[in-house]
Every structure is written in C-alpha cells, then in structure tokens.
C-alpha cells in the first residue's frame, strides 16, 4: 500500500475517534483526530502540506460547527480532499434536514452508523483510488 497522508478523523466522541484510529491502523493507515471542527480547521493546513490525497472522516452532528459546515471550510483549504460524512441519519434524512443535493462530484461519501470495519476500509480505498472523482454518495449545499 502506498504511503498516504494521515486521515483526519473529526468527531466529538473520544471513543469513536479512538476506535476509528485503531481500525485505520489495522488497515495500514495512520490517523490524526480532532474533537471538534475548530481543532480540525486548525490542523488541516499542516496535513494539506503533505503530498497525496487528503481524506477526512467527519461526524455529521457535533456541537458548534456541524460536519457539513466543517467539510465546506476544509474543502476551501483543499478543493481535492475526499470527505466521509458519518451519521446515524440515513442519506435521505440528511438531504432533507440539511437541504443538500448531489453536487460535490464524488468527493463526499456517506457512512451510516453503526458501520463495520469493512465498510470503513472500502470507503477509504475508494477515496484513495484513481477513480475517486467518480460519483459515489455526493452531498453538497
């Protein structure tokens, strides 16, 4: 597996961040984590300085800035970043609650909670694949 920049995990629950980090390590990836959007926004420029595809796993519902708004702020720093939005809501509910329609061109993927290790690994592989720009589960404003 080629070297990739660390995957950024943004979730307000420490247990989720820790579990995701452990899972990613099992699959040979490295991860860094942030407990809120503000920390993630501060950390992201240093990750963007590293060559390669930048992948961010974001919890949808967080105190302060939610996952969708965080995604937009991070995308402004790296327009080519890949995002995985994680939520207990289903895709249709997210579209209705947050008024989102498909427009991100396959850079935004959806991971429904609860999820399996295999589901995470599959999405990460899609993010790092040469065809990552192909539509998957895009959502955008």
C-alpha atoms as a PDB file:
ATOM      1  CA  UNK A   1       0.000   0.000   0.000  1.00  0.00           C
ATOM      2  CA  UNK A   2       1.486   3.394  -0.955  1.00  0.00           C
ATOM      3  CA  UNK A   3       2.129   5.957   1.746  1.00  0.00           C
ATOM      4  CA  UNK A   4      -0.705   8.412   2.254  1.00  0.00           C
ATOM      5  CA  UNK A   5      -1.028  11.481   4.434  1.00  0.00           C
ATOM      6  CA  UNK A   6      -2.728  10.755   7.764  1.00  0.00           C
ATOM      7  CA  UNK A   7      -6.511  10.512   7.656  1.00  0.00           C
ATOM      8  CA  UNK A   8      -8.204  13.218   9.705  1.00  0.00           C
ATOM      9  CA  UNK A   9     -10.981  11.985  11.999  1.00  0.00           C
ATOM     10  CA  UNK A  10     -13.324  14.677  13.311  1.00  0.00           C
ATOM     11  CA  UNK A  11     -15.804  13.509  15.937  1.00  0.00           C
ATOM     12  CA  UNK A  12     -16.846  14.925  19.300  1.00  0.00           C
ATOM     13  CA  UNK A  13     -16.872  11.446  20.882  1.00  0.00           C
ATOM     14  CA  UNK A  14     -13.435  10.265  22.055  1.00  0.00           C
ATOM     15  CA  UNK A  15     -14.442   6.590  21.883  1.00  0.00           C
ATOM     16  CA  UNK A  16     -15.381   6.959  18.203  1.00  0.00           C
ATOM     17  CA  UNK A  17     -12.113   8.740  17.369  1.00  0.00           C
ATOM     18  CA  UNK A  18     -10.111   6.088  19.191  1.00  0.00           C
ATOM     19  CA  UNK A  19     -11.955   3.159  17.589  1.00  0.00           C
ATOM     20  CA  UNK A  20     -11.633   4.653  14.096  1.00  0.00           C
ATOM     21  CA  UNK A  21      -7.923   5.288  14.629  1.00  0.00           C
ATOM     22  CA  UNK A  22      -7.456   1.667  15.692  1.00  0.00           C
ATOM     23  CA  UNK A  23      -9.405   0.374  12.695  1.00  0.00           C
ATOM     24  CA  UNK A  24      -7.435   2.513  10.278  1.00  0.00           C
ATOM     25  CA  UNK A  25      -4.176   1.274  11.817  1.00  0.00           C
ATOM     26  CA  UNK A  26      -5.293  -2.320  11.267  1.00  0.00           C
ATOM     27  CA  UNK A  27      -5.648  -1.494   7.566  1.00  0.00           C
ATOM     28  CA  UNK A  28      -2.222   0.144   7.430  1.00  0.00           C
ATOM     29  CA  UNK A  29      -3.276   3.792   7.549  1.00  0.00           C
ATOM     30  CA  UNK A  30      -2.299   6.473  10.012  1.00  0.00           C
ATOM     31  CA  UNK A  31      -4.807   8.849  11.526  1.00  0.00           C
ATOM     32  CA  UNK A  32      -4.931  12.086  13.446  1.00  0.00           C
ATOM     33  CA  UNK A  33      -8.035  13.225  15.229  1.00  0.00           C
ATOM     34  CA  UNK A  34      -9.851  16.330  16.317  1.00  0.00           C
ATOM     35  CA  UNK A  35     -12.658  16.523  18.860  1.00  0.00           C
ATOM     36  CA  UNK A  36     -14.341  19.483  17.176  1.00  0.00           C
ATOM     37  CA  UNK A  37     -14.481  21.453  13.955  1.00  0.00           C
ATOM     38  CA  UNK A  38     -12.340  24.305  15.225  1.00  0.00           C
ATOM     39  CA  UNK A  39      -9.441  21.978  16.012  1.00  0.00           C
ATOM     40  CA  UNK A  40      -9.819  20.219  12.647  1.00  0.00           C
ATOM     41  CA  UNK A  41      -9.748  23.527  10.762  1.00  0.00           C
ATOM     42  CA  UNK A  42      -6.544  24.489  12.603  1.00  0.00           C
ATOM     43  CA  UNK A  43      -4.896  21.093  11.945  1.00  0.00           C
ATOM     44  CA  UNK A  44      -5.856  20.681   8.293  1.00  0.00           C
ATOM     45  CA  UNK A  45      -3.342  23.067   6.652  1.00  0.00           C
ATOM     46  CA  UNK A  46      -0.428  21.015   8.044  1.00  0.00           C
ATOM     47  CA  UNK A  47      -1.981  17.840   6.606  1.00  0.00           C
ATOM     48  CA  UNK A  48      -2.540  19.569   3.262  1.00  0.00           C
ATOM     49  CA  UNK A  49       1.167  20.369   3.113  1.00  0.00           C
ATOM     50  CA  UNK A  50       1.823  16.633   2.773  1.00  0.00           C
ATOM     51  CA  UNK A  51       1.572  15.279  -0.785  1.00  0.00           C
ATOM     52  CA  UNK A  52      -1.231  12.895  -1.672  1.00  0.00           C
ATOM     53  CA  UNK A  53      -4.973  12.553  -1.302  1.00  0.00           C
ATOM     54  CA  UNK A  54      -6.325  14.091   1.900  1.00  0.00           C
ATOM     55  CA  UNK A  55      -9.173  12.136   3.484  1.00  0.00           C
ATOM     56  CA  UNK A  56     -11.376  13.426   6.296  1.00  0.00           C
ATOM     57  CA  UNK A  57     -13.915  11.360   8.240  1.00  0.00           C
ATOM     58  CA  UNK A  58     -16.480  13.731   9.745  1.00  0.00           C
ATOM     59  CA  UNK A  59     -19.253  13.169  12.245  1.00  0.00           C
ATOM     60  CA  UNK A  60     -22.358  14.956  10.976  1.00  0.00           C
ATOM     61  CA  UNK A  61     -23.716  16.110  14.335  1.00  0.00           C
ATOM     62  CA  UNK A  62     -21.180  17.916  16.516  1.00  0.00           C
ATOM     63  CA  UNK A  63     -21.535  20.820  18.927  1.00  0.00           C
ATOM     64  CA  UNK A  64     -20.660  24.170  17.413  1.00  0.00           C
ATOM     65  CA  UNK A  65     -19.968  23.674  13.724  1.00  0.00           C
ATOM     66  CA  UNK A  66     -21.647  20.580  12.236  1.00  0.00           C
ATOM     67  CA  UNK A  67     -19.954  18.138   9.877  1.00  0.00           C
ATOM     68  CA  UNK A  68     -21.354  19.658   6.688  1.00  0.00           C
ATOM     69  CA  UNK A  69     -20.143  23.171   7.509  1.00  0.00           C
ATOM     70  CA  UNK A  70     -16.793  21.739   8.632  1.00  0.00           C
ATOM     71  CA  UNK A  71     -16.496  19.929   5.302  1.00  0.00           C
ATOM     72  CA  UNK A  72     -17.044  23.168   3.381  1.00  0.00           C
ATOM     73  CA  UNK A  73     -14.428  25.004   5.436  1.00  0.00           C
ATOM     74  CA  UNK A  74     -11.892  22.216   4.951  1.00  0.00           C
ATOM     75  CA  UNK A  75     -12.705  21.931   1.238  1.00  0.00           C
ATOM     76  CA  UNK A  76     -11.867  25.621   0.896  1.00  0.00           C
ATOM     77  CA  UNK A  77      -8.361  24.715   2.113  1.00  0.00           C
ATOM     78  CA  UNK A  78      -8.059  21.668  -0.178  1.00  0.00           C
ATOM     79  CA  UNK A  79     -10.559  21.502  -3.051  1.00  0.00           C
ATOM     80  CA  UNK A  80      -9.366  17.975  -3.918  1.00  0.00           C
ATOM     81  CA  UNK A  81      -9.872  16.480  -0.449  1.00  0.00           C
ATOM     82  CA  UNK A  82     -12.117  13.448  -0.033  1.00  0.00           C
ATOM     83  CA  UNK A  83     -14.729  13.501   2.739  1.00  0.00           C
ATOM     84  CA  UNK A  84     -16.605  10.731   4.511  1.00  0.00           C
ATOM     85  CA  UNK A  85     -19.649  12.021   6.395  1.00  0.00           C
ATOM     86  CA  UNK A  86     -20.645   9.680   9.205  1.00  0.00           C
ATOM     87  CA  UNK A  87     -24.120   9.773  10.711  1.00  0.00           C
ATOM     88  CA  UNK A  88     -26.867   7.763  12.324  1.00  0.00           C
ATOM     89  CA  UNK A  89     -29.253   9.514   9.931  1.00  0.00           C
ATOM     90  CA  UNK A  90     -29.768   7.911   6.544  1.00  0.00           C
ATOM     91  CA  UNK A  91     -28.765   9.660   3.333  1.00  0.00           C
ATOM     92  CA  UNK A  92     -32.310  10.876   2.532  1.00  0.00           C
ATOM     93  CA  UNK A  93     -32.777  12.289   6.031  1.00  0.00           C
ATOM     94  CA  UNK A  94     -29.511  14.225   5.715  1.00  0.00           C
ATOM     95  CA  UNK A  95     -30.635  15.645   2.375  1.00  0.00           C
ATOM     96  CA  UNK A  96     -33.949  16.739   3.910  1.00  0.00           C
ATOM     97  CA  UNK A  97     -32.557  18.118   7.192  1.00  0.00           C
ATOM     98  CA  UNK A  98     -29.581  19.926   5.698  1.00  0.00           C
ATOM     99  CA  UNK A  99     -31.108  20.791   2.293  1.00  0.00           C
ATOM    100  CA  UNK A 100     -28.347  19.082   0.357  1.00  0.00           C
ATOM    101  CA  UNK A 101     -28.371  17.813  -3.193  1.00  0.00           C
ATOM    102  CA  UNK A 102     -25.712  15.996  -5.181  1.00  0.00           C
ATOM    103  CA  UNK A 103     -23.034  18.411  -6.393  1.00  0.00           C
ATOM    104  CA  UNK A 104     -19.632  17.526  -4.910  1.00  0.00           C
ATOM    105  CA  UNK A 105     -18.608  15.275  -7.814  1.00  0.00           C
ATOM    106  CA  UNK A 106     -17.872  12.138  -5.808  1.00  0.00           C
ATOM    107  CA  UNK A 107     -15.585  13.770  -3.236  1.00  0.00           C
ATOM    108  CA  UNK A 108     -18.152  13.268  -0.490  1.00  0.00           C
ATOM    109  CA  UNK A 109     -19.042   9.794   0.701  1.00  0.00           C
ATOM    110  CA  UNK A 110     -21.603   8.692   3.273  1.00  0.00           C
ATOM    111  CA  UNK A 111     -21.048   6.202   6.103  1.00  0.00           C
ATOM    112  CA  UNK A 112     -24.157   5.219   8.055  1.00  0.00           C
ATOM    113  CA  UNK A 113     -23.736   4.471  11.760  1.00  0.00           C
ATOM    114  CA  UNK A 114     -23.366   1.876  13.056  1.00  0.00           C
ATOM    115  CA  UNK A 115     -20.775   0.768  10.498  1.00  0.00           C
ATOM    116  CA  UNK A 116     -18.437  -2.149  10.082  1.00  0.00           C
ATOM    117  CA  UNK A 117     -14.675  -2.202   9.729  1.00  0.00           C
ATOM    118  CA  UNK A 118     -15.132  -3.469   6.174  1.00  0.00           C
ATOM    119  CA  UNK A 119     -17.395  -0.531   5.285  1.00  0.00           C
ATOM    120  CA  UNK A 120     -14.786   1.940   6.532  1.00  0.00           C
ATOM    121  CA  UNK A 121     -11.983   0.159   4.675  1.00  0.00           C
ATOM    122  CA  UNK A 122     -13.990   0.115   1.444  1.00  0.00           C
ATOM    123  CA  UNK A 123     -14.710   3.845   1.586  1.00  0.00           C
ATOM    124  CA  UNK A 124     -11.090   4.677   2.410  1.00  0.00           C
ATOM    125  CA  UNK A 125      -9.931   2.572  -0.551  1.00  0.00           C
ATOM    126  CA  UNK A 126     -12.418   4.407  -2.800  1.00  0.00           C
ATOM    127  CA  UNK A 127     -11.071   7.742  -1.596  1.00  0.00           C
ATOM    128  CA  UNK A 128      -7.502   6.744  -2.438  1.00  0.00           C
ATOM    129  CA  UNK A 129      -8.352   5.065  -5.760  1.00  0.00           C
ATOM    130  CA  UNK A 130      -7.527   6.788  -9.074  1.00  0.00           C
ATOM    131  CA  UNK A 131     -11.267   6.859  -9.811  1.00  0.00           C
ATOM    132  CA  UNK A 132     -12.041   8.783  -6.604  1.00  0.00           C
ATOM    133  CA  UNK A 133     -13.535  11.601  -8.651  1.00  0.00           C
ATOM    134  CA  UNK A 134     -16.336   9.334  -9.839  1.00  0.00           C
ATOM    135  CA  UNK A 135     -19.680   9.867  -8.110  1.00  0.00           C
ATOM    136  CA  UNK A 136     -20.221   7.761  -5.002  1.00  0.00           C
ATOM    137  CA  UNK A 137     -22.549   9.300  -2.451  1.00  0.00           C
ATOM    138  CA  UNK A 138     -22.131  13.031  -3.004  1.00  0.00           C
ATOM    139  CA  UNK A 139     -23.934  15.661  -0.972  1.00  0.00           C
ATOM    140  CA  UNK A 140     -23.416  19.386  -1.224  1.00  0.00           C
ATOM    141  CA  UNK A 141     -25.140  22.676  -0.458  1.00  0.00           C
END
